[in-house]
């Protein structure tokens, strides 16, 4: 009947940030941690994945709590980028959907921002996900869910004018409007903010987490029950810098 999770984004090879960003949660309970992209700058070898992700996460929370992970644009870079997917497992691959309590989560793998790496055609990859997502949005499970939340690294609005950001806006944002998602949570820009719906621009609220540097790092706390979904954004010093609430009535 209730689910809660924490969101971290844009760590950028700073493993010391994991325990520091969990401190503002204090002793409040949560069910899992969602890593929303750009945990790395680029992937060079196995040792980096262990030392900068697996070990610090295990020490900070993952020995007791599960985690979900979608790649950011920086996870598409480096000679070991191909191997990253072998070190974590989501419910259904690199992009996925899952029902947790009253929340149906759609997690997108938003691909590269502007550099086309040869083995990765991010435009085609995002278009494939958009077609997959629309089928999910037409399902009975989606219609019946109390809340529909999208997790994605590159936001569909308020991002830089790069090719990948523009394409995310083109292929994903109209579907979010049409199928009335309740919340989109992103990172990428390193500019944290809570953006309520804006008529003519986006009909859904969009929350964007901060960047990797002290004073700009954020922890997002999401909690949902039948009555309300509440997201709260805290800086690394514990200061609340934004929140958004969605009523459970549809």
C-alpha atoms as a PDB file:
ATOM      1  CA  UNK A   1       0.000   0.000   0.000  1.00  0.00           C
ATOM      2  CA  UNK A   2       2.986   2.314   0.333  1.00  0.00           C
ATOM      3  CA  UNK A   3       6.388   2.681  -1.318  1.00  0.00           C
ATOM      4  CA  UNK A   4       9.302   5.048  -0.792  1.00  0.00           C
ATOM      5  CA  UNK A   5      12.617   5.487  -2.514  1.00  0.00           C
ATOM      6  CA  UNK A   6      15.655   7.760  -2.684  1.00  0.00           C
ATOM      7  CA  UNK A   7      17.077   9.164  -5.928  1.00  0.00           C
ATOM      8  CA  UNK A   8      20.722  10.006  -6.610  1.00  0.00           C
ATOM      9  CA  UNK A   9      21.995  11.399  -9.891  1.00  0.00           C
ATOM     10  CA  UNK A  10      25.141  12.847 -11.463  1.00  0.00           C
ATOM     11  CA  UNK A  11      27.719  11.499  -9.029  1.00  0.00           C
ATOM     12  CA  UNK A  12      30.417  11.661 -11.764  1.00  0.00           C
ATOM     13  CA  UNK A  13      33.091   9.405 -10.277  1.00  0.00           C
ATOM     14  CA  UNK A  14      32.904  10.859  -6.770  1.00  0.00           C
ATOM     15  CA  UNK A  15      32.234   7.748  -4.656  1.00  0.00           C
ATOM     16  CA  UNK A  16      32.470   9.723  -1.417  1.00  0.00           C
ATOM     17  CA  UNK A  17      29.167  11.367  -2.387  1.00  0.00           C
ATOM     18  CA  UNK A  18      27.078   8.233  -1.767  1.00  0.00           C
ATOM     19  CA  UNK A  19      27.261   8.184   2.061  1.00  0.00           C
ATOM     20  CA  UNK A  20      27.217  11.978   2.266  1.00  0.00           C
ATOM     21  CA  UNK A  21      24.010  12.223   0.250  1.00  0.00           C
ATOM     22  CA  UNK A  22      22.250   9.568   2.303  1.00  0.00           C
ATOM     23  CA  UNK A  23      22.895  11.458   5.559  1.00  0.00           C
ATOM     24  CA  UNK A  24      20.077  14.010   5.044  1.00  0.00           C
ATOM     25  CA  UNK A  25      17.599  11.111   5.009  1.00  0.00           C
ATOM     26  CA  UNK A  26      18.627  10.459   8.635  1.00  0.00           C
ATOM     27  CA  UNK A  27      16.871   7.333   9.935  1.00  0.00           C
ATOM     28  CA  UNK A  28      13.761   7.602   7.769  1.00  0.00           C
ATOM     29  CA  UNK A  29      12.797   4.319   6.166  1.00  0.00           C
ATOM     30  CA  UNK A  30      12.903   3.709   2.406  1.00  0.00           C
ATOM     31  CA  UNK A  31      12.485   0.690   0.167  1.00  0.00           C
ATOM     32  CA  UNK A  32      15.195   1.170  -2.451  1.00  0.00           C
ATOM     33  CA  UNK A  33      17.619   3.627  -4.050  1.00  0.00           C
ATOM     34  CA  UNK A  34      17.322   4.698  -7.678  1.00  0.00           C
ATOM     35  CA  UNK A  35      20.544   5.768  -9.420  1.00  0.00           C
ATOM     36  CA  UNK A  36      19.337   8.117 -12.153  1.00  0.00           C
ATOM     37  CA  UNK A  37      22.352   8.258 -14.429  1.00  0.00           C
ATOM     38  CA  UNK A  38      25.880   9.661 -14.710  1.00  0.00           C
ATOM     39  CA  UNK A  39      27.399   7.758 -11.853  1.00  0.00           C
ATOM     40  CA  UNK A  40      30.625   7.947 -13.891  1.00  0.00           C
ATOM     41  CA  UNK A  41      32.364  10.350 -16.252  1.00  0.00           C
ATOM     42  CA  UNK A  42      33.370   7.434 -18.467  1.00  0.00           C
ATOM     43  CA  UNK A  43      34.038   3.736 -17.967  1.00  0.00           C
ATOM     44  CA  UNK A  44      37.665   2.696 -18.239  1.00  0.00           C
ATOM     45  CA  UNK A  45      37.819  -0.739 -16.578  1.00  0.00           C
ATOM     46  CA  UNK A  46      36.277  -3.145 -14.087  1.00  0.00           C
ATOM     47  CA  UNK A  47      38.184  -1.688 -11.148  1.00  0.00           C
ATOM     48  CA  UNK A  48      36.499   1.681 -11.664  1.00  0.00           C
ATOM     49  CA  UNK A  49      33.021   0.111 -11.588  1.00  0.00           C
ATOM     50  CA  UNK A  50      33.846  -1.700  -8.360  1.00  0.00           C
ATOM     51  CA  UNK A  51      35.622   1.184  -6.603  1.00  0.00           C
ATOM     52  CA  UNK A  52      33.357   4.024  -7.764  1.00  0.00           C
ATOM     53  CA  UNK A  53      29.962   2.298  -7.709  1.00  0.00           C
ATOM     54  CA  UNK A  54      29.583  -1.223  -6.349  1.00  0.00           C
ATOM     55  CA  UNK A  55      31.713  -0.971  -3.208  1.00  0.00           C
ATOM     56  CA  UNK A  56      30.644   2.526  -2.059  1.00  0.00           C
ATOM     57  CA  UNK A  57      26.977   1.697  -2.690  1.00  0.00           C
ATOM     58  CA  UNK A  58      27.308  -1.571  -0.778  1.00  0.00           C
ATOM     59  CA  UNK A  59      28.992   0.212   2.117  1.00  0.00           C
ATOM     60  CA  UNK A  60      26.418   3.017   2.145  1.00  0.00           C
ATOM     61  CA  UNK A  61      23.149   1.142   1.614  1.00  0.00           C
ATOM     62  CA  UNK A  62      23.150  -1.747  -0.876  1.00  0.00           C
ATOM     63  CA  UNK A  63      24.031  -4.443   1.651  1.00  0.00           C
ATOM     64  CA  UNK A  64      20.536  -3.850   3.086  1.00  0.00           C
ATOM     65  CA  UNK A  65      18.538  -2.133   0.340  1.00  0.00           C
ATOM     66  CA  UNK A  66      18.130  -2.877  -3.364  1.00  0.00           C
ATOM     67  CA  UNK A  67      18.997  -0.364  -6.043  1.00  0.00           C
ATOM     68  CA  UNK A  68      17.807   0.358  -9.562  1.00  0.00           C
ATOM     69  CA  UNK A  69      20.011   2.033 -12.143  1.00  0.00           C
ATOM     70  CA  UNK A  70      19.493   3.716 -15.508  1.00  0.00           C
ATOM     71  CA  UNK A  71      22.404   4.962 -17.546  1.00  0.00           C
ATOM     72  CA  UNK A  72      23.127   8.612 -18.195  1.00  0.00           C
ATOM     73  CA  UNK A  73      24.889   9.966 -21.255  1.00  0.00           C
ATOM     74  CA  UNK A  74      28.262   9.550 -19.532  1.00  0.00           C
ATOM     75  CA  UNK A  75      27.606   5.832 -19.103  1.00  0.00           C
ATOM     76  CA  UNK A  76      27.729   5.623 -22.900  1.00  0.00           C
ATOM     77  CA  UNK A  77      31.385   6.707 -22.932  1.00  0.00           C
ATOM     78  CA  UNK A  78      34.703   4.968 -22.409  1.00  0.00           C
ATOM     79  CA  UNK A  79      36.268   1.715 -23.537  1.00  0.00           C
ATOM     80  CA  UNK A  80      34.460  -0.280 -20.815  1.00  0.00           C
ATOM     81  CA  UNK A  81      31.007   1.217 -21.458  1.00  0.00           C
ATOM     82  CA  UNK A  82      29.931  -2.002 -23.169  1.00  0.00           C
ATOM     83  CA  UNK A  83      30.713  -3.968 -20.022  1.00  0.00           C
ATOM     84  CA  UNK A  84      28.768  -1.848 -17.530  1.00  0.00           C
ATOM     85  CA  UNK A  85      25.489  -3.689 -18.110  1.00  0.00           C
ATOM     86  CA  UNK A  86      27.095  -6.931 -16.908  1.00  0.00           C
ATOM     87  CA  UNK A  87      27.433  -5.540 -13.368  1.00  0.00           C
ATOM     88  CA  UNK A  88      23.814  -4.731 -12.590  1.00  0.00           C
ATOM     89  CA  UNK A  89      20.411  -6.222 -13.309  1.00  0.00           C
ATOM     90  CA  UNK A  90      17.140  -4.350 -13.678  1.00  0.00           C
ATOM     91  CA  UNK A  91      13.673  -5.974 -13.860  1.00  0.00           C
ATOM     92  CA  UNK A  92      13.755  -6.053 -17.659  1.00  0.00           C
ATOM     93  CA  UNK A  93      17.013  -4.755 -19.117  1.00  0.00           C
ATOM     94  CA  UNK A  94      18.469  -1.281 -19.590  1.00  0.00           C
ATOM     95  CA  UNK A  95      15.004   0.313 -19.695  1.00  0.00           C
ATOM     96  CA  UNK A  96      12.074  -1.193 -17.865  1.00  0.00           C
ATOM     97  CA  UNK A  97       8.795  -0.801 -16.036  1.00  0.00           C
ATOM     98  CA  UNK A  98       7.766  -2.089 -12.631  1.00  0.00           C
ATOM     99  CA  UNK A  99       4.793  -1.746 -10.279  1.00  0.00           C
ATOM    100  CA  UNK A 100       5.708  -0.936  -6.681  1.00  0.00           C
ATOM    101  CA  UNK A 101       2.771  -0.374  -4.391  1.00  0.00           C
ATOM    102  CA  UNK A 102       0.542   2.341  -5.864  1.00  0.00           C
ATOM    103  CA  UNK A 103       3.278   3.504  -8.288  1.00  0.00           C
ATOM    104  CA  UNK A 104       3.960   2.274 -11.787  1.00  0.00           C
ATOM    105  CA  UNK A 105       7.508   3.287 -12.705  1.00  0.00           C
ATOM    106  CA  UNK A 106       8.711   3.647 -16.281  1.00  0.00           C
ATOM    107  CA  UNK A 107      12.515   3.907 -16.398  1.00  0.00           C
ATOM    108  CA  UNK A 108      14.076   5.139 -19.649  1.00  0.00           C
ATOM    109  CA  UNK A 109      17.654   4.814 -20.863  1.00  0.00           C
ATOM    110  CA  UNK A 110      18.027   8.203 -22.544  1.00  0.00           C
ATOM    111  CA  UNK A 111      21.252   7.487 -24.439  1.00  0.00           C
ATOM    112  CA  UNK A 112      24.006   9.834 -25.543  1.00  0.00           C
ATOM    113  CA  UNK A 113      23.657  13.616 -25.512  1.00  0.00           C
ATOM    114  CA  UNK A 114      25.523  14.773 -28.575  1.00  0.00           C
ATOM    115  CA  UNK A 115      28.402  12.437 -29.432  1.00  0.00           C
ATOM    116  CA  UNK A 116      27.450   9.520 -31.637  1.00  0.00           C
ATOM    117  CA  UNK A 117      29.892   6.793 -30.688  1.00  0.00           C
ATOM    118  CA  UNK A 118      29.521   4.554 -33.739  1.00  0.00           C
ATOM    119  CA  UNK A 119      28.138   1.524 -31.899  1.00  0.00           C
ATOM    120  CA  UNK A 120      25.351   3.607 -30.427  1.00  0.00           C
ATOM    121  CA  UNK A 121      22.589   5.238 -32.476  1.00  0.00           C
ATOM    122  CA  UNK A 122      20.817   7.055 -29.675  1.00  0.00           C
ATOM    123  CA  UNK A 123      18.058   8.568 -31.818  1.00  0.00           C
ATOM    124  CA  UNK A 124      16.899   5.155 -33.010  1.00  0.00           C
ATOM    125  CA  UNK A 125      17.324   3.797 -29.489  1.00  0.00           C
ATOM    126  CA  UNK A 126      15.127   6.511 -27.990  1.00  0.00           C
ATOM    127  CA  UNK A 127      12.500   6.053 -30.715  1.00  0.00           C
ATOM    128  CA  UNK A 128      12.402   2.336 -29.945  1.00  0.00           C
ATOM    129  CA  UNK A 129      11.812   3.133 -26.278  1.00  0.00           C
ATOM    130  CA  UNK A 130       9.068   5.627 -27.116  1.00  0.00           C
ATOM    131  CA  UNK A 131       7.190   2.941 -29.065  1.00  0.00           C
ATOM    132  CA  UNK A 132       7.685   0.476 -26.197  1.00  0.00           C
ATOM    133  CA  UNK A 133       6.558   3.070 -23.647  1.00  0.00           C
ATOM    134  CA  UNK A 134       3.369   3.908 -25.532  1.00  0.00           C
ATOM    135  CA  UNK A 135       2.346   0.250 -25.397  1.00  0.00           C
ATOM    136  CA  UNK A 136       2.910   0.301 -21.640  1.00  0.00           C
ATOM    137  CA  UNK A 137       0.840   3.479 -21.389  1.00  0.00           C
ATOM    138  CA  UNK A 138      -2.034   1.812 -23.249  1.00  0.00           C
ATOM    139  CA  UNK A 139      -2.071  -1.135 -20.839  1.00  0.00           C
ATOM    140  CA  UNK A 140      -4.633  -1.837 -18.146  1.00  0.00           C
ATOM    141  CA  UNK A 141      -1.909  -1.780 -15.482  1.00  0.00           C
ATOM    142  CA  UNK A 142      -0.980   1.778 -16.481  1.00  0.00           C
ATOM    143  CA  UNK A 143      -4.586   2.939 -16.494  1.00  0.00           C
ATOM    144  CA  UNK A 144      -5.251   1.445 -13.062  1.00  0.00           C
ATOM    145  CA  UNK A 145      -2.069   2.654 -11.358  1.00  0.00           C
ATOM    146  CA  UNK A 146      -2.649   5.372  -8.781  1.00  0.00           C
ATOM    147  CA  UNK A 147       0.557   7.140  -9.866  1.00  0.00           C
ATOM    148  CA  UNK A 148       2.625   6.911 -13.051  1.00  0.00           C
ATOM    149  CA  UNK A 149       6.225   8.065 -12.546  1.00  0.00           C
ATOM    150  CA  UNK A 150       8.937   8.290 -15.206  1.00  0.00           C
ATOM    151  CA  UNK A 151      12.601   8.047 -14.228  1.00  0.00           C
ATOM    152  CA  UNK A 152      15.060   9.251 -16.897  1.00  0.00           C
ATOM    153  CA  UNK A 153      18.469  10.899 -16.868  1.00  0.00           C
ATOM    154  CA  UNK A 154      18.149  13.540 -19.617  1.00  0.00           C
ATOM    155  CA  UNK A 155      15.060  15.639 -18.858  1.00  0.00           C
ATOM    156  CA  UNK A 156      12.475  16.254 -21.584  1.00  0.00           C
ATOM    157  CA  UNK A 157      12.429  19.986 -20.746  1.00  0.00           C
ATOM    158  CA  UNK A 158      14.788  22.585 -19.196  1.00  0.00           C
ATOM    159  CA  UNK A 159      17.893  20.938 -20.592  1.00  0.00           C
ATOM    160  CA  UNK A 160      20.714  22.222 -22.751  1.00  0.00           C
ATOM    161  CA  UNK A 161      20.137  22.799 -26.428  1.00  0.00           C
ATOM    162  CA  UNK A 162      22.031  19.672 -27.432  1.00  0.00           C
ATOM    163  CA  UNK A 163      20.894  17.054 -29.867  1.00  0.00           C
ATOM    164  CA  UNK A 164      20.014  14.424 -27.291  1.00  0.00           C
ATOM    165  CA  UNK A 165      18.002  16.809 -25.132  1.00  0.00           C
ATOM    166  CA  UNK A 166      16.028  18.054 -28.098  1.00  0.00           C
ATOM    167  CA  UNK A 167      15.318  14.508 -29.207  1.00  0.00           C
ATOM    168  CA  UNK A 168      14.128  13.478 -25.723  1.00  0.00           C
ATOM    169  CA  UNK A 169      11.721  16.402 -25.824  1.00  0.00           C
ATOM    170  CA  UNK A 170      10.509  15.412 -29.277  1.00  0.00           C
ATOM    171  CA  UNK A 171       9.896  11.702 -28.732  1.00  0.00           C
ATOM    172  CA  UNK A 172       9.000  11.474 -25.027  1.00  0.00           C
ATOM    173  CA  UNK A 173       7.339  14.701 -23.889  1.00  0.00           C
ATOM    174  CA  UNK A 174       4.216  14.439 -26.129  1.00  0.00           C
ATOM    175  CA  UNK A 175       3.566  10.935 -24.759  1.00  0.00           C
ATOM    176  CA  UNK A 176       3.911  12.177 -21.199  1.00  0.00           C
ATOM    177  CA  UNK A 177       1.269  14.808 -21.966  1.00  0.00           C
ATOM    178  CA  UNK A 178      -1.045  12.494 -23.888  1.00  0.00           C
ATOM    179  CA  UNK A 179      -1.017   9.704 -21.320  1.00  0.00           C
ATOM    180  CA  UNK A 180      -0.954  12.001 -18.312  1.00  0.00           C
ATOM    181  CA  UNK A 181       2.093  10.909 -16.352  1.00  0.00           C
ATOM    182  CA  UNK A 182       2.015  12.168 -12.778  1.00  0.00           C
ATOM    183  CA  UNK A 183       5.708  12.935 -12.347  1.00  0.00           C
ATOM    184  CA  UNK A 184       8.993  12.875 -14.273  1.00  0.00           C
ATOM    185  CA  UNK A 185      12.290  12.718 -12.338  1.00  0.00           C
ATOM    186  CA  UNK A 186      15.560  13.550 -14.129  1.00  0.00           C
ATOM    187  CA  UNK A 187      19.092  14.819 -13.636  1.00  0.00           C
ATOM    188  CA  UNK A 188      21.742  15.739 -16.221  1.00  0.00           C
ATOM    189  CA  UNK A 189      21.630  19.546 -16.178  1.00  0.00           C
ATOM    190  CA  UNK A 190      23.400  19.973 -12.800  1.00  0.00           C
ATOM    191  CA  UNK A 191      20.783  22.656 -12.085  1.00  0.00           C
ATOM    192  CA  UNK A 192      18.311  21.370  -9.527  1.00  0.00           C
ATOM    193  CA  UNK A 193      14.711  22.474  -9.682  1.00  0.00           C
ATOM    194  CA  UNK A 194      11.054  21.569  -9.243  1.00  0.00           C
ATOM    195  CA  UNK A 195       8.995  22.514 -12.293  1.00  0.00           C
ATOM    196  CA  UNK A 196       5.194  22.341 -11.965  1.00  0.00           C
ATOM    197  CA  UNK A 197       3.109  21.795 -15.112  1.00  0.00           C
ATOM    198  CA  UNK A 198       3.203  24.702 -17.577  1.00  0.00           C
ATOM    199  CA  UNK A 199       0.282  25.011 -19.979  1.00  0.00           C
ATOM    200  CA  UNK A 200       1.443  24.774 -23.568  1.00  0.00           C
ATOM    201  CA  UNK A 201       4.871  23.451 -22.594  1.00  0.00           C
ATOM    202  CA  UNK A 202       4.419  20.352 -20.425  1.00  0.00           C
ATOM    203  CA  UNK A 203       1.331  19.096 -18.602  1.00  0.00           C
ATOM    204  CA  UNK A 204       3.349  17.053 -16.105  1.00  0.00           C
ATOM    205  CA  UNK A 205       5.543  18.098 -13.165  1.00  0.00           C
ATOM    206  CA  UNK A 206       9.274  17.658 -13.703  1.00  0.00           C
ATOM    207  CA  UNK A 207      11.833  17.377 -10.903  1.00  0.00           C
ATOM    208  CA  UNK A 208      15.517  17.683 -11.831  1.00  0.00           C
ATOM    209  CA  UNK A 209      18.257  16.724  -9.377  1.00  0.00           C
ATOM    210  CA  UNK A 210      21.486  18.684  -8.948  1.00  0.00           C
ATOM    211  CA  UNK A 211      25.109  18.181  -9.950  1.00  0.00           C
ATOM    212  CA  UNK A 212      28.204  16.518  -8.513  1.00  0.00           C
ATOM    213  CA  UNK A 213      29.834  19.384  -6.601  1.00  0.00           C
ATOM    214  CA  UNK A 214      29.394  20.143  -2.885  1.00  0.00           C
ATOM    215  CA  UNK A 215      26.531  22.553  -2.343  1.00  0.00           C
ATOM    216  CA  UNK A 216      24.850  21.480  -5.591  1.00  0.00           C
ATOM    217  CA  UNK A 217      24.425  17.772  -4.827  1.00  0.00           C
ATOM    218  CA  UNK A 218      20.884  16.641  -4.079  1.00  0.00           C
ATOM    219  CA  UNK A 219      18.968  13.787  -2.552  1.00  0.00           C
ATOM    220  CA  UNK A 220      15.404  13.196  -3.726  1.00  0.00           C
ATOM    221  CA  UNK A 221      12.983  11.445  -1.397  1.00  0.00           C
ATOM    222  CA  UNK A 222       9.819   9.974  -2.905  1.00  0.00           C
ATOM    223  CA  UNK A 223       6.987   8.508  -0.848  1.00  0.00           C
ATOM    224  CA  UNK A 224       3.607   7.355  -2.121  1.00  0.00           C
ATOM    225  CA  UNK A 225       0.450   5.875  -0.647  1.00  0.00           C
ATOM    226  CA  UNK A 226      -3.160   5.847  -1.834  1.00  0.00           C
ATOM    227  CA  UNK A 227      -3.714   9.417  -0.717  1.00  0.00           C
ATOM    228  CA  UNK A 228      -0.621  11.233  -1.917  1.00  0.00           C
ATOM    229  CA  UNK A 229       2.712  11.012  -3.690  1.00  0.00           C
ATOM    230  CA  UNK A 230       5.252  13.401  -2.193  1.00  0.00           C
ATOM    231  CA  UNK A 231       8.720  14.194  -3.542  1.00  0.00           C
ATOM    232  CA  UNK A 232      11.149  16.264  -1.503  1.00  0.00           C
ATOM    233  CA  UNK A 233      14.522  17.590  -2.661  1.00  0.00           C
ATOM    234  CA  UNK A 234      17.344  18.168  -0.181  1.00  0.00           C
ATOM    235  CA  UNK A 235      20.815  19.586  -0.721  1.00  0.00           C
ATOM    236  CA  UNK A 236      23.823  17.751   0.673  1.00  0.00           C
ATOM    237  CA  UNK A 237      23.687  19.889   3.833  1.00  0.00           C
ATOM    238  CA  UNK A 238      20.104  18.766   4.529  1.00  0.00           C
ATOM    239  CA  UNK A 239      18.416  21.982   3.372  1.00  0.00           C
ATOM    240  CA  UNK A 240      15.049  21.368   1.698  1.00  0.00           C
ATOM    241  CA  UNK A 241      15.159  23.136  -1.680  1.00  0.00           C
ATOM    242  CA  UNK A 242      11.925  21.938  -3.253  1.00  0.00           C
ATOM    243  CA  UNK A 243       8.954  19.613  -3.042  1.00  0.00           C
ATOM    244  CA  UNK A 244       5.949  18.520  -5.052  1.00  0.00           C
ATOM    245  CA  UNK A 245       2.759  16.661  -4.133  1.00  0.00           C
ATOM    246  CA  UNK A 246       0.375  14.648  -6.288  1.00  0.00           C
ATOM    247  CA  UNK A 247      -3.029  13.686  -4.977  1.00  0.00           C
ATOM    248  CA  UNK A 248      -4.068  10.070  -5.229  1.00  0.00           C
ATOM    249  CA  UNK A 249      -7.460  10.858  -6.749  1.00  0.00           C
ATOM    250  CA  UNK A 250      -7.686  10.383 -10.463  1.00  0.00           C
END
